């Protein structure tokens, strides 16, 4: 598989998915086409916004923008922003999948310890090397 394919798919899926699912998420939060649903997250946000601004929801506030999107759908500008955020999230997920799919190999197990008693020949070679090293150090 080509490097970067998962990243590209992630961006496309994230962008399209975010634009398609944004109206669903708004409705679930309580920003409906009929207005703000009683007892919902949207109602709680509206109440907080009204208290903070002295009795009404300020035009251009987050609650006002979300209610507008819930009632009339996303504007072109809002859809572009939502698609950008969804594409960025998809790029992160796709990039991670890309990296995992192109790793060279799984980690190798740790080396096993030498057998007890060792190899007689290896011990003799080590002893000779140590003797040679000592002779060189004495010169």
Protein backbone atom coordinates (compact mmCIF):
# COMPACT_ATOMS: atom_id res chain seq x y z
CA UNK A 1 0.00 0.00 0.00
CA UNK A 2 1.31 3.46 -0.85
CA UNK A 3 2.64 5.63 1.95
CA UNK A 4 0.19 8.39 2.87
CA UNK A 5 -2.93 6.62 1.63
CA UNK A 6 -4.43 6.30 5.12
CA UNK A 7 -3.72 9.98 5.75
CA UNK A 8 -5.54 11.01 2.57
CA UNK A 9 -8.47 8.74 3.38
CA UNK A 10 -8.54 10.10 6.94
CA UNK A 11 -8.71 13.71 5.76
CA UNK A 12 -11.49 12.98 3.28
CA UNK A 13 -13.50 10.84 5.69
CA UNK A 14 -13.06 13.29 8.54
CA UNK A 15 -14.11 16.30 6.46
CA UNK A 16 -17.18 14.67 4.91
CA UNK A 17 -18.14 12.89 8.12
CA UNK A 18 -17.97 16.08 10.18
CA UNK A 19 -20.19 18.01 7.76
CA UNK A 20 -22.71 15.16 7.55
CA UNK A 21 -22.79 14.48 11.30
CA UNK A 22 -22.78 18.11 12.52
CA UNK A 23 -26.59 18.53 12.10
CA UNK A 24 -27.13 15.23 13.93
CA UNK A 25 -24.90 16.36 16.80
CA UNK A 26 -26.65 19.74 16.98
CA UNK A 27 -30.06 18.06 17.17
CA UNK A 28 -28.85 15.64 19.85
CA UNK A 29 -27.55 18.59 21.89
CA UNK A 30 -30.98 20.25 21.65
CA UNK A 31 -30.46 22.80 18.86
CA UNK A 32 -33.45 21.77 16.70
CA UNK A 33 -35.24 23.34 13.76
CA UNK A 34 -38.16 24.10 16.10
CA UNK A 35 -35.92 25.87 18.61
CA UNK A 36 -34.01 24.86 21.70
CA UNK A 37 -35.32 21.65 23.27
CA UNK A 38 -36.35 21.91 26.93
CA UNK A 39 -34.05 20.15 29.41
CA UNK A 40 -31.27 19.70 26.87
CA UNK A 41 -27.63 20.74 26.82
CA UNK A 42 -28.68 23.58 24.52
CA UNK A 43 -31.21 24.80 27.12
CA UNK A 44 -28.52 24.76 29.79
CA UNK A 45 -26.14 26.69 27.54
CA UNK A 46 -28.84 29.21 26.69
CA UNK A 47 -29.67 29.73 30.36
CA UNK A 48 -26.01 30.30 31.25
CA UNK A 49 -25.55 32.69 28.34
CA UNK A 50 -28.67 34.66 29.32
CA UNK A 51 -27.55 34.97 32.94
CA UNK A 52 -24.05 36.02 31.88
CA UNK A 53 -25.33 38.75 29.54
CA UNK A 54 -28.00 40.09 31.86
CA UNK A 55 -31.16 38.42 30.57
CA UNK A 56 -30.82 37.71 26.87
CA UNK A 57 -28.61 35.73 24.52
CA UNK A 58 -26.22 38.03 22.70
CA UNK A 59 -26.33 38.01 18.92
CA UNK A 60 -23.26 36.30 17.50
CA UNK A 61 -22.64 34.29 20.69
CA UNK A 62 -21.88 30.59 20.53
CA UNK A 63 -25.44 29.70 21.58
CA UNK A 64 -26.90 31.97 18.88
CA UNK A 65 -24.61 30.50 16.20
CA UNK A 66 -25.40 26.92 17.20
CA UNK A 67 -29.15 27.63 17.28
CA UNK A 68 -28.94 29.20 13.83
CA UNK A 69 -27.10 26.14 12.51
CA UNK A 70 -29.60 23.81 14.21
CA UNK A 71 -32.59 25.66 12.78
CA UNK A 72 -31.41 26.43 9.25
CA UNK A 73 -28.45 24.07 8.74
CA UNK A 74 -24.81 24.96 8.29
CA UNK A 75 -23.93 27.98 6.19
CA UNK A 76 -21.19 27.59 3.59
CA UNK A 77 -18.68 29.23 5.91
CA UNK A 78 -19.68 27.08 8.86
CA UNK A 79 -19.55 23.96 6.69
CA UNK A 80 -16.01 24.91 5.61
CA UNK A 81 -14.91 25.33 9.23
CA UNK A 82 -16.52 22.05 10.29
CA UNK A 83 -14.95 20.26 7.31
CA UNK A 84 -11.53 21.71 8.16
CA UNK A 85 -11.71 20.55 11.76
CA UNK A 86 -12.99 17.12 10.71
CA UNK A 87 -10.28 16.85 8.06
CA UNK A 88 -7.58 17.75 10.58
CA UNK A 89 -8.85 15.12 13.01
CA UNK A 90 -9.00 12.59 10.18
CA UNK A 91 -5.44 13.45 9.17
CA UNK A 92 -4.19 12.71 12.67
CA UNK A 93 -5.97 9.35 12.81
CA UNK A 94 -5.02 8.46 9.23
CA UNK A 95 -1.41 9.50 9.75
CA UNK A 96 -1.16 7.29 12.82
CA UNK A 97 -2.63 4.38 10.86
CA UNK A 98 -0.17 5.10 8.05
CA UNK A 99 2.78 4.99 10.42
CA UNK A 100 1.59 1.74 11.99
CA UNK A 101 0.97 0.06 8.64
CA UNK A 102 4.45 0.93 7.33
CA UNK A 103 6.52 -0.07 10.34
CA UNK A 104 9.42 -2.28 9.28
CA UNK A 105 8.82 -5.18 11.63
CA UNK A 106 7.42 -5.99 15.00
CA UNK A 107 9.79 -5.60 17.91
CA UNK A 108 12.07 -8.59 18.29
CA UNK A 109 12.07 -10.58 21.51
CA UNK A 110 14.96 -10.06 23.90
CA UNK A 111 17.97 -12.32 23.30
CA UNK A 112 18.02 -15.52 25.30
CA UNK A 113 20.77 -15.90 27.89
CA UNK A 114 23.69 -18.22 27.13
CA UNK A 115 23.36 -21.78 28.38
CA UNK A 116 24.78 -22.47 31.82
CA UNK A 117 28.37 -23.62 31.77
CA UNK A 118 28.96 -21.83 28.48
CA UNK A 119 31.11 -23.02 25.61
CA UNK A 120 34.61 -24.25 26.52
CA UNK A 121 36.06 -22.86 23.29
CA UNK A 122 34.58 -19.39 23.86
CA UNK A 123 35.97 -19.31 27.40
CA UNK A 124 39.46 -20.14 26.11
CA UNK A 125 39.23 -17.40 23.45
CA UNK A 126 38.18 -14.85 26.06
CA UNK A 127 41.06 -15.89 28.29
CA UNK A 128 43.55 -15.48 25.42
CA UNK A 129 42.16 -12.02 24.59
CA UNK A 130 42.50 -10.93 28.21
CA UNK A 131 46.10 -12.17 28.35
CA UNK A 132 46.94 -10.28 25.14
CA UNK A 133 45.31 -7.13 26.49
CA UNK A 134 47.30 -7.38 29.73
CA UNK A 135 50.56 -7.89 27.80
CA UNK A 136 49.86 -4.80 25.69
CA UNK A 137 49.07 -2.75 28.77
CA UNK A 138 52.34 -3.78 30.42
CA UNK A 139 54.47 -2.72 27.42
